C-alpha atoms as a PDB file:
ATOM      1  CA  MET A   1      -6.098  25.987  32.351  1.00  0.00           C
ATOM      2  CA  PRO A   2      -8.786  24.273  34.484  1.00  0.00           C
ATOM      3  CA  ALA A   3      -8.656  20.481  34.221  1.00  0.00           C
ATOM      4  CA  SER A   4     -12.450  20.430  33.823  1.00  0.00           C
ATOM      5  CA  GLU A   5     -12.159  22.343  30.577  1.00  0.00           C
ATOM      6  CA  VAL A   6      -9.402  20.098  29.249  1.00  0.00           C
ATOM      7  CA  THR A   7     -11.437  16.940  29.901  1.00  0.00           C
ATOM      8  CA  ALA A   8     -14.896  18.330  29.071  1.00  0.00           C
ATOM      9  CA  HIS A   9     -17.219  16.197  26.964  1.00  0.00           C
ATOM     10  CA  ASP A  10     -17.861  18.943  24.394  1.00  0.00           C
ATOM     11  CA  PHE A  11     -14.855  17.941  22.276  1.00  0.00           C
ATOM     12  CA  VAL A  12     -15.279  18.760  18.589  1.00  0.00           C
ATOM     13  CA  MET A  13     -12.908  17.032  16.166  1.00  0.00           C
ATOM     14  CA  VAL A  14     -12.021  19.246  13.209  1.00  0.00           C
ATOM     15  CA  ARG A  15      -9.887  17.985  10.360  1.00  0.00           C
ATOM     16  CA  ALA A  16      -6.960  20.118   9.294  1.00  0.00           C
ATOM     17  CA  ALA A  17      -8.024  19.687   5.662  1.00  0.00           C
ATOM     18  CA  LEU A  18     -11.356  21.326   6.494  1.00  0.00           C
ATOM     19  CA  VAL A  19      -9.648  24.336   8.057  1.00  0.00           C
ATOM     20  CA  GLN A  20      -7.635  24.777   4.878  1.00  0.00           C
ATOM     21  CA  ARG A  21     -10.597  24.167   2.552  1.00  0.00           C
ATOM     22  CA  LEU A  22     -13.047  26.415   4.422  1.00  0.00           C
ATOM     23  CA  GLY A  23     -10.577  29.224   5.106  1.00  0.00           C
ATOM     24  CA  SER A  24     -10.552  29.369   8.896  1.00  0.00           C
ATOM     25  CA  ALA A  25     -10.805  27.280  12.045  1.00  0.00           C
ATOM     26  CA  ASN A  26     -14.099  28.971  12.952  1.00  0.00           C
ATOM     27  CA  ASN A  27     -15.625  27.995   9.608  1.00  0.00           C
ATOM     28  CA  ALA A  28     -14.393  24.436  10.034  1.00  0.00           C
ATOM     29  CA  LEU A  29     -15.830  24.238  13.565  1.00  0.00           C
ATOM     30  CA  VAL A  30     -19.268  25.384  12.444  1.00  0.00           C
ATOM     31  CA  TRP A  31     -19.272  23.205   9.309  1.00  0.00           C
ATOM     32  CA  THR A  32     -18.271  20.123  11.310  1.00  0.00           C
ATOM     33  CA  ARG A  33     -20.957  20.694  13.922  1.00  0.00           C
ATOM     34  CA  ILE A  34     -23.705  21.174  11.331  1.00  0.00           C
ATOM     35  CA  HIS A  35     -22.523  18.048   9.532  1.00  0.00           C
ATOM     36  CA  PHE A  36     -22.591  16.075  12.775  1.00  0.00           C
ATOM     37  CA  ARG A  37     -26.024  17.316  13.818  1.00  0.00           C
ATOM     38  CA  CYS A  38     -27.527  16.513  10.420  1.00  0.00           C
ATOM     39  CA  SER A  39     -26.566  12.882  11.017  1.00  0.00           C
ATOM     40  CA  ASP A  40     -27.841  12.903  14.612  1.00  0.00           C
ATOM     41  CA  GLY A  41     -31.360  11.493  14.692  1.00  0.00           C
ATOM     42  CA  ALA A  42     -32.250  13.334  17.898  1.00  0.00           C
ATOM     43  CA  GLN A  43     -31.330  16.746  16.516  1.00  0.00           C
ATOM     44  CA  ARG A  44     -31.976  16.685  12.801  1.00  0.00           C
ATOM     45  CA  HIS A  45     -35.135  17.487  10.847  1.00  0.00           C
ATOM     46  CA  VAL A  46     -35.801  15.471   7.697  1.00  0.00           C
ATOM     47  CA  ASP A  47     -37.908  17.281   5.092  1.00  0.00           C
ATOM     48  CA  ASP A  48     -40.335  15.854   2.545  1.00  0.00           C
ATOM     49  CA  THR A  49     -37.528  15.147   0.084  1.00  0.00           C
ATOM     50  CA  GLY A  50     -35.601  13.070   2.635  1.00  0.00           C
ATOM     51  CA  THR A  51     -32.967  15.774   3.179  1.00  0.00           C
ATOM     52  CA  ALA A  52     -31.642  16.123   6.735  1.00  0.00           C
ATOM     53  CA  TRP A  53     -31.277  19.589   8.284  1.00  0.00           C
ATOM     54  CA  TRP A  54     -30.227  20.958  11.658  1.00  0.00           C
ATOM     55  CA  ARG A  55     -32.501  23.716  12.929  1.00  0.00           C
ATOM     56  CA  ALA A  56     -30.359  25.929  15.138  1.00  0.00           C
ATOM     57  CA  SER A  57     -29.885  29.593  15.976  1.00  0.00           C
ATOM     58  CA  ASN A  58     -26.521  31.335  15.949  1.00  0.00           C
ATOM     59  CA  GLU A  59     -26.621  31.262  19.725  1.00  0.00           C
ATOM     60  CA  GLN A  60     -27.180  27.500  19.848  1.00  0.00           C
ATOM     61  CA  ILE A  61     -24.434  26.777  17.336  1.00  0.00           C
ATOM     62  CA  GLY A  62     -22.104  29.092  19.236  1.00  0.00           C
ATOM     63  CA  GLU A  63     -22.748  27.311  22.515  1.00  0.00           C
ATOM     64  CA  GLU A  64     -21.869  23.961  20.953  1.00  0.00           C
ATOM     65  CA  VAL A  65     -18.631  25.059  19.281  1.00  0.00           C
ATOM     66  CA  GLY A  66     -17.415  27.754  21.689  1.00  0.00           C
ATOM     67  CA  LEU A  67     -17.972  30.773  19.443  1.00  0.00           C
ATOM     68  CA  THR A  68     -19.986  33.944  19.870  1.00  0.00           C
ATOM     69  CA  PRO A  69     -23.223  34.388  17.859  1.00  0.00           C
ATOM     70  CA  ASP A  70     -21.468  37.041  15.768  1.00  0.00           C
ATOM     71  CA  GLN A  71     -18.645  34.652  14.937  1.00  0.00           C
ATOM     72  CA  VAL A  72     -21.158  31.988  13.955  1.00  0.00           C
ATOM     73  CA  TYR A  73     -23.054  34.463  11.779  1.00  0.00           C
ATOM     74  CA  LYS A  74     -19.849  35.466   9.998  1.00  0.00           C
ATOM     75  CA  ALA A  75     -18.861  31.825   9.461  1.00  0.00           C
ATOM     76  CA  THR A  76     -22.257  30.706   8.152  1.00  0.00           C
ATOM     77  CA  SER A  77     -22.587  33.737   5.880  1.00  0.00           C
ATOM     78  CA  THR A  78     -19.165  33.134   4.351  1.00  0.00           C
ATOM     79  CA  MET A  79     -19.718  29.409   3.834  1.00  0.00           C
ATOM     80  CA  ARG A  80     -23.240  29.852   2.486  1.00  0.00           C
ATOM     81  CA  LYS A  81     -22.007  32.299  -0.152  1.00  0.00           C
ATOM     82  CA  ALA A  82     -19.211  29.888  -1.074  1.00  0.00           C
ATOM     83  CA  GLY A  83     -21.602  26.956  -1.369  1.00  0.00           C
ATOM     84  CA  PHE A  84     -20.241  24.885   1.518  1.00  0.00           C
ATOM     85  CA  ILE A  85     -23.531  24.987   3.451  1.00  0.00           C
ATOM     86  CA  GLU A  86     -27.192  25.669   2.694  1.00  0.00           C
ATOM     87  CA  SER A  87     -29.958  27.108   4.835  1.00  0.00           C
ATOM     88  CA  THR A  88     -33.722  27.386   4.784  1.00  0.00           C
ATOM     89  CA  GLU A  89     -36.634  28.087   7.128  1.00  0.00           C
ATOM     90  CA  HIS A  90     -38.881  25.189   8.099  1.00  0.00           C
ATOM     91  CA  ARG A  91     -40.879  27.260  10.643  1.00  0.00           C
ATOM     92  CA  LEU A  92     -41.425  24.208  12.812  1.00  0.00           C
ATOM     93  CA  ALA A  93     -42.686  26.344  15.669  1.00  0.00           C
ATOM     94  CA  GLY A  94     -45.185  28.285  13.527  1.00  0.00           C
ATOM     95  CA  ASN A  95     -45.251  31.036  10.924  1.00  0.00           C
ATOM     96  CA  TYR A  96     -43.299  33.413  13.137  1.00  0.00           C
ATOM     97  CA  ASP A  97     -40.444  30.935  13.611  1.00  0.00           C
ATOM     98  CA  ARG A  98     -37.558  32.344  11.558  1.00  0.00           C
ATOM     99  CA  THR A  99     -34.888  30.004  12.933  1.00  0.00           C
ATOM    100  CA  GLN A 100     -32.626  28.802  10.145  1.00  0.00           C
ATOM    101  CA  SER A 101     -32.161  25.139   9.312  1.00  0.00           C
ATOM    102  CA  TRP A 102     -28.701  24.175   8.098  1.00  0.00           C
ATOM    103  CA  ARG A 103     -27.114  21.399   6.075  1.00  0.00           C
ATOM    104  CA  THR A 104     -23.615  20.841   4.785  1.00  0.00           C
ATOM    105  CA  VAL A 105     -22.889  20.440   1.095  1.00  0.00           C
ATOM    106  CA  VAL A 106     -21.120  17.181   0.295  1.00  0.00           C
ATOM    107  CA  GLU A 107     -20.620  15.056  -2.792  1.00  0.00           C
ATOM    108  CA  GLY A 108     -23.392  12.579  -2.029  1.00  0.00           C
ATOM    109  CA  ASP A 109     -24.767  10.146   0.488  1.00  0.00           C
ATOM    110  CA  GLU A 110     -22.467   7.402  -0.695  1.00  0.00           C
ATOM    111  CA  LEU A 111     -19.486   9.624   0.135  1.00  0.00           C
ATOM    112  CA  ASP A 112     -20.928  10.740   3.455  1.00  0.00           C
ATOM    113  CA  SER A 113     -21.404   7.342   4.998  1.00  0.00           C
ATOM    114  CA  VAL A 114     -20.068   5.618   8.067  1.00  0.00           C
ATOM    115  CA  ASP A 115     -17.573   2.868   7.372  1.00  0.00           C
ATOM    116  CA  ARG A 116     -18.966   0.226   9.694  1.00  0.00           C
ATOM    117  CA  ARG A 117     -15.737  -1.717   9.620  1.00  0.00           C
ATOM    118  CA  ASN A 118     -13.703   0.940  11.358  1.00  0.00           C
ATOM    119  CA  GLY A 119     -16.203   3.537  12.552  1.00  0.00           C
ATOM    120  CA  VAL A 120     -14.668   6.352  10.540  1.00  0.00           C
ATOM    121  CA  ARG A 121     -16.893   8.892   8.824  1.00  0.00           C
ATOM    122  CA  ARG A 122     -15.590   9.510   5.325  1.00  0.00           C
ATOM    123  CA  THR A 123     -16.627  12.856   3.897  1.00  0.00           C
ATOM    124  CA  THR A 124     -15.684  14.371   0.563  1.00  0.00           C
ATOM    125  CA  ILE A 125     -15.822  18.147   0.531  1.00  0.00           C
ATOM    126  CA  MET A 126     -16.883  20.193  -2.454  1.00  0.00           C
ATOM    127  CA  THR A 127     -14.947  23.071  -3.867  1.00  0.00           C
ATOM    128  CA  SER A 128     -16.620  26.464  -3.653  1.00  0.00           C
ATOM    129  CA  SER A 129     -19.849  26.597  -5.694  1.00  0.00           C
ATOM    130  CA  ASN A 130     -23.477  27.575  -5.250  1.00  0.00           C
ATOM    131  CA  ASP A 131     -24.846  24.151  -4.511  1.00  0.00           C
ATOM    132  CA  ASP A 132     -24.591  20.575  -3.378  1.00  0.00           C
ATOM    133  CA  GLN A 133     -23.157  18.065  -5.805  1.00  0.00           C
ATOM    134  CA  ASP A 134     -21.472  17.952  -9.197  1.00  0.00           C
ATOM    135  CA  ALA A 135     -22.596  16.554 -12.493  1.00  0.00           C
ATOM    136  CA  VAL A 136     -19.382  14.737 -13.256  1.00  0.00           C
ATOM    137  CA  ASP A 137     -19.223  10.956 -13.011  1.00  0.00           C
ATOM    138  CA  ARG A 138     -16.338  10.595 -10.584  1.00  0.00           C
ATOM    139  CA  ARG A 139     -15.890   6.911 -11.312  1.00  0.00           C
ATOM    140  CA  ASN A 140     -13.387   7.944 -13.960  1.00  0.00           C
ATOM    141  CA  LEU A 141     -11.322  10.044 -11.553  1.00  0.00           C
ATOM    142  CA  PRO A 142      -8.620   8.897  -9.128  1.00  0.00           C
ATOM    143  CA  LEU A 143     -10.206   7.810  -5.842  1.00  0.00           C
ATOM    144  CA  SER A 144      -7.770   9.879  -3.821  1.00  0.00           C
ATOM    145  CA  GLN A 145      -9.075  13.176  -5.217  1.00  0.00           C
ATOM    146  CA  ASP A 146     -11.523  15.092  -3.057  1.00  0.00           C
ATOM    147  CA  THR A 147     -12.314  17.931  -5.442  1.00  0.00           C
ATOM    148  CA  LEU A 148     -12.635  18.632  -9.148  1.00  0.00           C
ATOM    149  CA  SER A 149     -10.034  20.833 -10.746  1.00  0.00           C
ATOM    150  CA  THR A 150     -10.509  22.485 -14.131  1.00  0.00           C
ATOM    151  CA  SER A 151      -8.608  19.661 -15.820  1.00  0.00           C
ATOM    152  CA  ASP A 152     -10.747  17.081 -14.010  1.00  0.00           C
ATOM    153  CA  VAL A 153     -13.916  18.696 -15.347  1.00  0.00           C
ATOM    154  CA  ALA A 154     -12.536  18.723 -18.870  1.00  0.00           C
ATOM    155  CA  GLY A 155     -11.508  15.076 -18.768  1.00  0.00           C
ATOM    156  CA  ALA A 156     -14.286  13.484 -16.755  1.00  0.00           C
ATOM    157  CA  THR A 157     -17.401  11.800 -18.101  1.00  0.00           C
ATOM    158  CA  ILE A 158     -20.577  13.902 -17.987  1.00  0.00           C
ATOM    159  CA  ARG A 159     -23.963  12.279 -17.490  1.00  0.00           C
ATOM    160  CA  ASP A 160     -25.889  11.873 -20.740  1.00  0.00           C
ATOM    161  CA  ASP A 161     -28.928  13.896 -19.663  1.00  0.00           C
ATOM    162  CA  VAL A 162     -26.750  16.665 -18.253  1.00  0.00           C
ATOM    163  CA  LYS A 163     -24.705  16.798 -21.445  1.00  0.00           C
ATOM    164  CA  GLU A 164     -27.891  16.892 -23.526  1.00  0.00           C
ATOM    165  CA  ILE A 165     -29.193  20.090 -21.946  1.00  0.00           C
ATOM    166  CA  LEU A 166     -25.743  21.681 -21.898  1.00  0.00           C
ATOM    167  CA  ASP A 167     -25.327  20.996 -25.616  1.00  0.00           C
ATOM    168  CA  TYR A 168     -28.836  22.287 -26.291  1.00  0.00           C
ATOM    169  CA  LEU A 169     -28.131  25.573 -24.547  1.00  0.00           C
ATOM    170  CA  ASP A 170     -24.768  25.902 -26.306  1.00  0.00           C
ATOM    171  CA  ALA A 171     -26.452  25.499 -29.683  1.00  0.00           C
ATOM    172  CA  ALA A 172     -29.171  28.035 -28.850  1.00  0.00           C
ATOM    173  CA  ILE A 173     -26.636  30.611 -27.689  1.00  0.00           C
ATOM    174  CA  LYS A 174     -24.513  29.996 -30.777  1.00  0.00           C
ATOM    175  CA  ARG A 175     -27.542  30.675 -33.002  1.00  0.00           C
ATOM    176  CA  ASN A 176     -27.762  34.082 -31.348  1.00  0.00           C
ATOM    177  CA  GLU A 177     -24.104  34.647 -32.273  1.00  0.00           C
ATOM    178  CA  ALA A 178     -23.105  34.933 -28.627  1.00  0.00           C
ATOM    179  CA  LYS A 179     -20.123  33.317 -26.931  1.00  0.00           C
ATOM    180  CA  LYS A 180     -20.711  29.683 -25.998  1.00  0.00           C
ATOM    181  CA  PRO A 181     -20.443  29.195 -22.198  1.00  0.00           C
ATOM    182  CA  SER A 182     -17.508  27.258 -20.791  1.00  0.00           C
ATOM    183  CA  ARG A 183     -18.044  23.822 -19.265  1.00  0.00           C
ATOM    184  CA  THR A 184     -17.118  24.994 -15.805  1.00  0.00           C
ATOM    185  CA  LYS A 185     -17.974  23.105 -12.628  1.00  0.00           C
ATOM    186  CA  LYS A 186     -20.534  25.791 -11.832  1.00  0.00           C
ATOM    187  CA  ASN A 187     -22.379  25.213 -15.105  1.00  0.00           C
ATOM    188  CA  LEU A 188     -22.116  21.425 -14.794  1.00  0.00           C
ATOM    189  CA  ASP A 189     -23.561  21.614 -11.294  1.00  0.00           C
ATOM    190  CA  ALA A 190     -26.371  23.902 -12.413  1.00  0.00           C
ATOM    191  CA  ALA A 191     -27.381  21.482 -15.171  1.00  0.00           C
ATOM    192  CA  ARG A 192     -27.456  18.524 -12.818  1.00  0.00           C
ATOM    193  CA  ARG A 193     -29.353  20.383 -10.145  1.00  0.00           C
ATOM    194  CA  LEU A 194     -32.012  21.511 -12.580  1.00  0.00           C
ATOM    195  CA  LEU A 195     -32.741  17.847 -13.222  1.00  0.00           C
ATOM    196  CA  ASP A 196     -32.047  16.260  -9.834  1.00  0.00           C
ATOM    197  CA  ASN A 197     -32.749  18.918  -7.223  1.00  0.00           C
ATOM    198  CA  ASP A 198     -35.360  21.035  -8.994  1.00  0.00           C
ATOM    199  CA  GLY A 199     -37.191  18.100 -10.570  1.00  0.00           C
ATOM    200  CA  ARG A 200     -37.166  19.475 -14.129  1.00  0.00           C
ATOM    201  CA  THR A 201     -37.214  17.076 -17.063  1.00  0.00           C
ATOM    202  CA  VAL A 202     -34.897  17.360 -20.049  1.00  0.00           C
ATOM    203  CA  ASP A 203     -37.844  18.463 -22.207  1.00  0.00           C
ATOM    204  CA  GLN A 204     -38.867  21.141 -19.698  1.00  0.00           C
ATOM    205  CA  VAL A 205     -35.339  22.539 -19.606  1.00  0.00           C
ATOM    206  CA  LYS A 206     -35.190  22.555 -23.415  1.00  0.00           C
ATOM    207  CA  LYS A 207     -38.468  24.475 -23.605  1.00  0.00           C
ATOM    208  CA  ALA A 208     -37.125  26.991 -21.122  1.00  0.00           C
ATOM    209  CA  ILE A 209     -33.999  27.363 -23.245  1.00  0.00           C
ATOM    210  CA  ASP A 210     -36.119  27.827 -26.375  1.00  0.00           C
ATOM    211  CA  TRP A 211     -38.143  30.579 -24.742  1.00  0.00           C
ATOM    212  CA  ALA A 212     -35.245  32.349 -23.069  1.00  0.00           C
ATOM    213  CA  THR A 213     -32.990  32.394 -26.123  1.00  0.00           C
ATOM    214  CA  THR A 214     -35.694  33.774 -28.436  1.00  0.00           C
ATOM    215  CA  ASP A 215     -37.126  36.413 -26.095  1.00  0.00           C
ATOM    216  CA  SER A 216     -35.806  39.875 -26.894  1.00  0.00           C
ATOM    217  CA  PHE A 217     -34.889  40.579 -23.278  1.00  0.00           C
ATOM    218  CA  TRP A 218     -33.807  37.214 -21.901  1.00  0.00           C
ATOM    219  CA  ARG A 219     -31.647  36.170 -24.856  1.00  0.00           C
ATOM    220  CA  SER A 220     -28.987  38.649 -23.753  1.00  0.00           C
ATOM    221  CA  ASN A 221     -29.195  37.568 -20.111  1.00  0.00           C
ATOM    222  CA  ILE A 222     -29.328  33.774 -20.230  1.00  0.00           C
ATOM    223  CA  LEU A 223     -25.817  33.006 -21.449  1.00  0.00           C
ATOM    224  CA  SER A 224     -24.933  30.073 -19.188  1.00  0.00           C
ATOM    225  CA  MET A 225     -26.584  27.104 -17.510  1.00  0.00           C
ATOM    226  CA  ALA A 226     -25.927  28.619 -14.098  1.00  0.00           C
ATOM    227  CA  LYS A 227     -27.868  31.740 -15.067  1.00  0.00           C
ATOM    228  CA  LEU A 228     -30.672  29.648 -16.566  1.00  0.00           C
ATOM    229  CA  ARG A 229     -31.129  27.759 -13.318  1.00  0.00           C
ATOM    230  CA  GLU A 230     -30.946  30.944 -11.253  1.00  0.00           C
ATOM    231  CA  LYS A 231     -33.676  32.609 -13.330  1.00  0.00           C
ATOM    232  CA  TYR A 232     -35.724  29.505 -14.187  1.00  0.00           C
ATOM    233  CA  ASP A 233     -38.806  30.302 -12.087  1.00  0.00           C
ATOM    234  CA  GLN A 234     -38.780  33.922 -13.211  1.00  0.00           C
ATOM    235  CA  LEU A 235     -38.572  32.756 -16.833  1.00  0.00           C
ATOM    236  CA  ARG A 236     -41.408  30.291 -16.329  1.00  0.00           C
ATOM    237  CA  LEU A 237     -43.739  32.856 -14.796  1.00  0.00           C
ATOM    238  CA  THR A 238     -42.887  35.499 -17.399  1.00  0.00           C
ATOM    239  CA  ALA A 239     -43.539  33.034 -20.219  1.00  0.00           C
ATOM    240  CA  GLN A 240     -46.867  32.016 -18.717  1.00  0.00           C
ATOM    241  CA  ARG A 241     -47.984  35.647 -18.393  1.00  0.00           C
ATOM    242  CA  ALA A 242     -46.954  36.361 -21.966  1.00  0.00           C
ATOM    243  CA  GLU A 243     -48.760  33.280 -23.227  1.00  0.00           C
ATOM    244  CA  GLN A 244     -52.154  33.938 -21.629  1.00  0.00           C
ATOM    245  CA  PRO A 245     -53.277  37.014 -23.629  1.00  0.00           C
ATOM    246  CA  GLN A 246     -51.612  35.762 -26.811  1.00  0.00           C
ATOM    247  CA  GLN A 247     -52.785  32.177 -27.104  1.00  0.00           C
ATOM    248  CA  ASN A 248     -52.976  32.405 -30.893  1.00  0.00           C
ATOM    249  CA  ARG A 249     -49.614  34.035 -31.390  1.00  0.00           C
ATOM    250  CA  GLN A 250     -46.757  31.727 -32.297  1.00  0.00           C
ATOM    251  CA  PRO A 251     -43.259  32.354 -30.917  1.00  0.00           C
ATOM    252  CA  ALA A 252     -40.472  33.477 -33.200  1.00  0.00           C
ATOM    253  CA  TYR A 253     -39.159  29.942 -33.547  1.00  0.00           C
ATOM    254  CA  ALA A 254     -42.511  28.472 -34.645  1.00  0.00           C
ATOM    255  CA  GLY A 255     -42.125  25.041 -36.107  1.00  0.00           C
ATOM    256  CA  ARG A 256     -41.343  23.121 -32.939  1.00  0.00           C
ATOM    257  CA  GLU A 257     -44.124  20.739 -32.025  1.00  0.00           C
ATOM    258  CA  GLU A 258     -46.596  21.794 -29.351  1.00  0.00           C
ATOM    259  CA  TYR A 259     -44.851  24.857 -28.018  1.00  0.00           C
ATOM    260  CA  ARG A 260     -45.738  25.574 -24.405  1.00  0.00           C
ATOM    261  CA  ALA A 261     -44.285  27.885 -21.823  1.00  0.00           C
ATOM    262  CA  PRO A 262     -41.576  26.232 -19.709  1.00  0.00           C
ATOM    263  CA  GLU A 263     -43.066  24.328 -16.778  1.00  0.00           C
END
């Protein structure tokens, strides 16, 4: 082993817990590098919402962590599907720029901060899900826990606005005599993200629920909060199209004040 390689300055520290959580050392290498670059002012891109991303090709990531582009592609694909990372295209170099921008999914900025007293970065890793944070108020959970188990979800405190839309959907589904969705982490996350990430209000989400659970097609498809969030834009556009030629026609659940298509 050449001494130059042993003492090279491209050292990447990977926590053993990340290897276990993410399923492989390659995944942990890529996740750690993306996480580091998103906090590096010289490398990161901050979008209009204040979210930091690292714009990098598979080749560039591979060069920094010692993997081939194919290995990087496999790692990012696996972690993106599991919800450990997210990607988008910012097209910073023009419309033909298809380079992906990456960010890691963590519990929140307050849990992804540098402890100035000892210089240690403290990061809490999410369990596998489709997105970036959870709706549970973790102040009621032991501080040593990094993830939410099923029992944690059942016993933790849920934000009032998140609980309101979850309860509203449960009631609408029950009226259709369908099975009420479980309060899984995936559904809790979807409810929170509708409000926090997607910028929907509680009233907007309720109107979307009203429309979806009374439409002859969608009522059999929207049976969980996760599915509602996934299909929200499609629901909104479909409702708007249906509303335009039928301005004088009331929906089946007429009686609610000022019905409008979900926004």
